[in-house]
N, C-alpha and C. Protein backbone atom coordinates (compact mmCIF):
# COMPACT_ATOMS: atom_id res chain seq x y z
N MET A 1 10.04 -30.05 11.56
CA MET A 1 8.94 -29.29 12.11
C MET A 1 8.00 -30.24 12.83
N THR A 2 7.62 -29.82 14.01
CA THR A 2 6.73 -30.66 14.79
C THR A 2 5.31 -30.19 14.62
N ILE A 3 4.40 -31.02 15.06
CA ILE A 3 2.99 -30.69 15.00
C ILE A 3 2.71 -29.46 15.89
N ASP A 4 3.37 -29.38 17.03
CA ASP A 4 3.18 -28.23 17.91
C ASP A 4 3.59 -26.92 17.23
N PHE A 5 4.68 -26.98 16.48
CA PHE A 5 5.14 -25.78 15.76
C PHE A 5 4.12 -25.34 14.73
N VAL A 6 3.59 -26.29 13.96
CA VAL A 6 2.63 -25.98 12.91
C VAL A 6 1.36 -25.41 13.52
N ILE A 7 0.88 -26.01 14.60
CA ILE A 7 -0.33 -25.52 15.26
C ILE A 7 -0.10 -24.12 15.82
N ASP A 8 1.05 -23.89 16.45
CA ASP A 8 1.37 -22.58 17.00
C ASP A 8 1.49 -21.53 15.89
N PHE A 9 2.13 -21.92 14.80
CA PHE A 9 2.25 -21.01 13.67
C PHE A 9 0.90 -20.65 13.08
N GLY A 10 0.04 -21.63 12.93
CA GLY A 10 -1.32 -21.40 12.44
C GLY A 10 -2.12 -20.50 13.37
N ARG A 11 -1.95 -20.73 14.68
CA ARG A 11 -2.64 -19.89 15.67
C ARG A 11 -2.18 -18.44 15.55
N ARG A 12 -0.88 -18.24 15.41
CA ARG A 12 -0.37 -16.87 15.27
C ARG A 12 -0.82 -16.19 13.98
N VAL A 13 -0.94 -16.97 12.91
CA VAL A 13 -1.46 -16.42 11.66
C VAL A 13 -2.92 -15.99 11.85
N MET A 14 -3.71 -16.83 12.50
CA MET A 14 -5.11 -16.48 12.74
C MET A 14 -5.23 -15.25 13.64
N GLU A 15 -4.36 -15.12 14.62
CA GLU A 15 -4.36 -13.92 15.47
C GLU A 15 -4.07 -12.67 14.67
N GLN A 16 -3.12 -12.75 13.75
CA GLN A 16 -2.80 -11.60 12.91
C GLN A 16 -3.96 -11.24 12.00
N ILE A 17 -4.62 -12.27 11.44
CA ILE A 17 -5.76 -12.01 10.57
C ILE A 17 -6.85 -11.30 11.35
N MET A 18 -7.15 -11.78 12.54
CA MET A 18 -8.18 -11.15 13.37
C MET A 18 -7.80 -9.73 13.77
N LEU A 19 -6.55 -9.53 14.13
CA LEU A 19 -6.08 -8.20 14.54
C LEU A 19 -6.18 -7.21 13.38
N LEU A 20 -5.83 -7.65 12.17
CA LEU A 20 -5.84 -6.74 11.04
C LEU A 20 -7.27 -6.48 10.51
N SER A 21 -8.17 -7.41 10.70
CA SER A 21 -9.53 -7.19 10.20
C SER A 21 -10.46 -6.59 11.24
N LEU A 22 -10.04 -6.55 12.49
CA LEU A 22 -10.89 -6.06 13.57
C LEU A 22 -11.39 -4.62 13.38
N PRO A 23 -10.56 -3.65 13.02
CA PRO A 23 -11.08 -2.28 12.90
C PRO A 23 -12.20 -2.16 11.88
N MET A 24 -12.06 -2.77 10.71
CA MET A 24 -13.10 -2.67 9.70
C MET A 24 -14.36 -3.43 10.10
N LEU A 25 -14.21 -4.57 10.74
CA LEU A 25 -15.38 -5.33 11.16
C LEU A 25 -16.17 -4.62 12.25
N LEU A 26 -15.44 -4.01 13.20
CA LEU A 26 -16.14 -3.29 14.26
C LEU A 26 -16.90 -2.08 13.71
N VAL A 27 -16.27 -1.34 12.82
CA VAL A 27 -16.95 -0.18 12.25
C VAL A 27 -18.17 -0.64 11.44
N GLY A 28 -18.02 -1.70 10.67
CA GLY A 28 -19.16 -2.24 9.90
C GLY A 28 -20.30 -2.67 10.82
N LEU A 29 -19.95 -3.28 11.95
CA LEU A 29 -20.98 -3.71 12.91
C LEU A 29 -21.71 -2.53 13.51
N VAL A 30 -20.96 -1.53 13.97
CA VAL A 30 -21.55 -0.36 14.61
C VAL A 30 -22.42 0.41 13.61
N ILE A 31 -21.92 0.63 12.42
CA ILE A 31 -22.70 1.38 11.41
C ILE A 31 -23.93 0.57 11.01
N GLY A 32 -23.80 -0.73 10.88
CA GLY A 32 -24.95 -1.58 10.55
C GLY A 32 -26.03 -1.49 11.61
N LEU A 33 -25.62 -1.51 12.89
CA LEU A 33 -26.59 -1.40 13.98
C LEU A 33 -27.28 -0.03 13.99
N LEU A 34 -26.49 1.03 13.77
CA LEU A 34 -27.08 2.36 13.75
C LEU A 34 -28.07 2.54 12.58
N VAL A 35 -27.70 2.03 11.43
CA VAL A 35 -28.59 2.14 10.27
C VAL A 35 -29.85 1.28 10.51
N SER A 36 -29.70 0.12 11.12
CA SER A 36 -30.85 -0.73 11.41
C SER A 36 -31.81 -0.05 12.37
N VAL A 37 -31.27 0.61 13.41
CA VAL A 37 -32.12 1.36 14.34
C VAL A 37 -32.81 2.50 13.63
N PHE A 38 -32.07 3.20 12.78
CA PHE A 38 -32.66 4.28 11.99
C PHE A 38 -33.79 3.77 11.09
N GLN A 39 -33.55 2.64 10.42
CA GLN A 39 -34.58 2.08 9.55
C GLN A 39 -35.80 1.60 10.33
N ALA A 40 -35.58 1.06 11.53
CA ALA A 40 -36.70 0.59 12.34
C ALA A 40 -37.54 1.76 12.84
N THR A 41 -36.88 2.86 13.20
CA THR A 41 -37.64 3.99 13.74
C THR A 41 -38.38 4.76 12.64
N THR A 42 -37.79 4.86 11.46
CA THR A 42 -38.43 5.62 10.40
C THR A 42 -39.23 4.73 9.44
N GLN A 43 -39.12 3.44 9.58
CA GLN A 43 -39.78 2.46 8.72
C GLN A 43 -39.40 2.60 7.26
N ILE A 44 -38.19 3.07 7.02
CA ILE A 44 -37.65 3.12 5.66
C ILE A 44 -36.89 1.81 5.44
N GLN A 45 -37.35 1.01 4.51
CA GLN A 45 -36.72 -0.29 4.27
C GLN A 45 -36.02 -0.33 2.93
N GLU A 46 -35.14 0.61 2.73
CA GLU A 46 -34.36 0.70 1.50
C GLU A 46 -33.11 -0.16 1.64
N MET A 47 -32.86 -1.06 0.71
CA MET A 47 -31.72 -1.97 0.79
C MET A 47 -30.38 -1.26 0.67
N THR A 48 -30.32 -0.23 -0.17
CA THR A 48 -29.04 0.45 -0.36
C THR A 48 -28.67 1.31 0.84
N LEU A 49 -29.64 1.60 1.69
CA LEU A 49 -29.34 2.39 2.89
C LEU A 49 -28.39 1.66 3.82
N GLN A 50 -28.36 0.35 3.78
CA GLN A 50 -27.45 -0.44 4.60
C GLN A 50 -26.01 -0.36 4.07
N PHE A 51 -25.85 -0.37 2.78
CA PHE A 51 -24.52 -0.56 2.20
C PHE A 51 -23.72 0.73 2.04
N ILE A 52 -24.35 1.79 1.64
CA ILE A 52 -23.62 3.02 1.36
C ILE A 52 -22.90 3.56 2.60
N PRO A 53 -23.56 3.69 3.76
CA PRO A 53 -22.81 4.18 4.94
C PRO A 53 -21.71 3.23 5.38
N LYS A 54 -21.94 1.94 5.24
CA LYS A 54 -20.91 0.97 5.62
C LYS A 54 -19.68 1.10 4.73
N ILE A 55 -19.90 1.22 3.42
CA ILE A 55 -18.78 1.34 2.50
C ILE A 55 -17.99 2.60 2.76
N VAL A 56 -18.69 3.70 2.98
CA VAL A 56 -17.99 4.96 3.24
C VAL A 56 -17.21 4.90 4.53
N CYS A 57 -17.82 4.42 5.62
CA CYS A 57 -17.14 4.39 6.92
C CYS A 57 -15.98 3.39 6.93
N ILE A 58 -16.17 2.24 6.33
CA ILE A 58 -15.08 1.27 6.29
C ILE A 58 -13.93 1.78 5.46
N SER A 59 -14.23 2.48 4.39
CA SER A 59 -13.18 3.09 3.58
C SER A 59 -12.41 4.14 4.37
N LEU A 60 -13.13 4.94 5.16
CA LEU A 60 -12.46 5.94 6.02
C LEU A 60 -11.56 5.28 7.05
N VAL A 61 -12.06 4.22 7.66
CA VAL A 61 -11.25 3.50 8.65
C VAL A 61 -10.02 2.89 7.99
N LEU A 62 -10.19 2.38 6.79
CA LEU A 62 -9.05 1.79 6.07
C LEU A 62 -8.00 2.86 5.74
N VAL A 63 -8.45 4.06 5.39
CA VAL A 63 -7.51 5.16 5.11
C VAL A 63 -6.81 5.60 6.39
N ILE A 64 -7.56 5.69 7.48
CA ILE A 64 -6.99 6.16 8.74
C ILE A 64 -6.07 5.11 9.37
N ALA A 65 -6.54 3.86 9.40
CA ALA A 65 -5.78 2.79 10.06
C ALA A 65 -4.82 2.09 9.10
N GLY A 66 -4.84 2.46 7.83
CA GLY A 66 -4.00 1.78 6.83
C GLY A 66 -2.52 1.74 7.18
N PRO A 67 -1.92 2.88 7.58
CA PRO A 67 -0.49 2.81 7.93
C PRO A 67 -0.18 1.85 9.09
N TRP A 68 -1.04 1.84 10.10
CA TRP A 68 -0.85 0.92 11.23
C TRP A 68 -1.02 -0.52 10.78
N LEU A 69 -2.03 -0.79 9.96
CA LEU A 69 -2.25 -2.15 9.47
C LEU A 69 -1.08 -2.62 8.62
N LEU A 70 -0.59 -1.74 7.75
CA LEU A 70 0.55 -2.08 6.90
C LEU A 70 1.82 -2.32 7.72
N GLU A 71 2.02 -1.51 8.76
CA GLU A 71 3.17 -1.70 9.63
C GLU A 71 3.12 -3.04 10.33
N LYS A 72 1.94 -3.42 10.85
CA LYS A 72 1.79 -4.71 11.51
C LYS A 72 2.04 -5.87 10.53
N LEU A 73 1.52 -5.75 9.33
CA LEU A 73 1.71 -6.79 8.33
C LEU A 73 3.17 -6.89 7.91
N ILE A 74 3.84 -5.79 7.75
CA ILE A 74 5.27 -5.82 7.38
C ILE A 74 6.11 -6.40 8.50
N ASP A 75 5.82 -6.02 9.76
CA ASP A 75 6.56 -6.56 10.89
C ASP A 75 6.39 -8.08 10.98
N TYR A 76 5.17 -8.55 10.81
CA TYR A 76 4.92 -9.98 10.89
C TYR A 76 5.62 -10.73 9.76
N THR A 77 5.57 -10.20 8.56
CA THR A 77 6.23 -10.82 7.42
C THR A 77 7.74 -10.84 7.61
N ARG A 78 8.29 -9.72 8.12
CA ARG A 78 9.73 -9.65 8.37
C ARG A 78 10.14 -10.69 9.41
N ASP A 79 9.34 -10.84 10.48
CA ASP A 79 9.65 -11.84 11.50
C ASP A 79 9.63 -13.25 10.92
N ILE A 80 8.67 -13.52 10.07
CA ILE A 80 8.62 -14.86 9.44
C ILE A 80 9.85 -15.08 8.56
N LEU A 81 10.21 -14.10 7.76
CA LEU A 81 11.37 -14.27 6.87
C LEU A 81 12.67 -14.36 7.63
N LEU A 82 12.79 -13.62 8.75
CA LEU A 82 14.01 -13.69 9.55
C LEU A 82 14.15 -15.01 10.28
N HIS A 83 13.05 -15.59 10.74
CA HIS A 83 13.12 -16.82 11.50
C HIS A 83 13.06 -18.09 10.65
N PHE A 84 12.74 -17.91 9.38
CA PHE A 84 12.62 -19.08 8.51
C PHE A 84 13.87 -19.94 8.45
N PRO A 85 15.09 -19.36 8.32
CA PRO A 85 16.30 -20.23 8.32
C PRO A 85 16.45 -21.00 9.64
N ASP A 86 16.09 -20.40 10.78
CA ASP A 86 16.20 -21.09 12.05
C ASP A 86 15.23 -22.28 12.08
N TRP A 87 14.03 -22.10 11.52
CA TRP A 87 13.05 -23.18 11.51
C TRP A 87 13.52 -24.32 10.62
N ILE A 88 14.17 -23.99 9.51
CA ILE A 88 14.69 -25.00 8.62
C ILE A 88 15.80 -25.79 9.31
N ARG A 89 16.71 -25.07 9.97
CA ARG A 89 17.80 -25.76 10.70
C ARG A 89 17.25 -26.65 11.79
N ALA A 90 16.22 -26.18 12.48
CA ALA A 90 15.62 -26.99 13.54
C ALA A 90 14.94 -28.23 12.96
N ALA A 91 14.31 -28.09 11.81
CA ALA A 91 13.64 -29.22 11.17
C ALA A 91 14.66 -30.26 10.71
N GLU A 92 15.84 -29.79 10.33
CA GLU A 92 16.89 -30.72 9.89
C GLU A 92 17.67 -31.29 11.07
N GLY A 93 17.41 -30.80 12.25
CA GLY A 93 18.09 -31.30 13.44
C GLY A 93 19.45 -30.67 13.68
N LEU A 94 19.75 -29.56 13.04
CA LEU A 94 21.05 -28.93 13.21
C LEU A 94 21.14 -28.10 14.48
N VAL A 95 20.02 -27.65 14.98
CA VAL A 95 19.97 -26.94 16.27
C VAL A 95 18.85 -27.54 17.08
N THR A 96 18.94 -27.35 18.37
CA THR A 96 17.90 -27.86 19.25
C THR A 96 16.74 -26.86 19.27
N PRO A 97 15.52 -27.32 19.28
CA PRO A 97 14.37 -26.42 19.23
C PRO A 97 14.32 -25.42 20.39
N GLY A 98 14.92 -25.77 21.54
CA GLY A 98 14.91 -24.86 22.68
C GLY A 98 15.71 -23.61 22.45
N LEU A 99 16.65 -23.65 21.49
CA LEU A 99 17.50 -22.49 21.22
C LEU A 99 16.92 -21.55 20.17
N LEU A 100 15.77 -21.90 19.63
CA LEU A 100 15.15 -21.03 18.63
C LEU A 100 14.60 -19.78 19.30
N PRO A 101 14.65 -18.70 18.58
CA PRO A 101 14.02 -17.47 19.12
C PRO A 101 12.53 -17.65 19.23
N SER A 102 11.97 -17.06 20.24
CA SER A 102 10.53 -17.23 20.45
C SER A 102 9.73 -16.20 19.69
N GLY A 103 10.36 -15.52 18.75
CA GLY A 103 9.79 -14.41 17.99
C GLY A 103 8.40 -14.68 17.44
N LEU A 104 7.96 -13.79 16.60
CA LEU A 104 6.63 -13.71 16.03
C LEU A 104 5.78 -13.28 17.09
């Protein structure tokens, strides 16, 4: 395994993490902004008012987007497990790195 492979693999892992967490983070951001605007206009400074809507909305997004998130995670894991023997053979020098599938 080369340094380029490890860096590329780490980059792809970080991309998957960001892709899978993006729906919940965006909903949390939007709900947080809306609640903050509501609190600023009504001058209600209740701490729990921030958390309850976020928890409810993020839970709804997780239920709605859950099948898609699980499918993405399963596909990525399957690609890693399928390409793992090729990476081992390449690390041992049994095949040339140019012949490896560009998957993931």
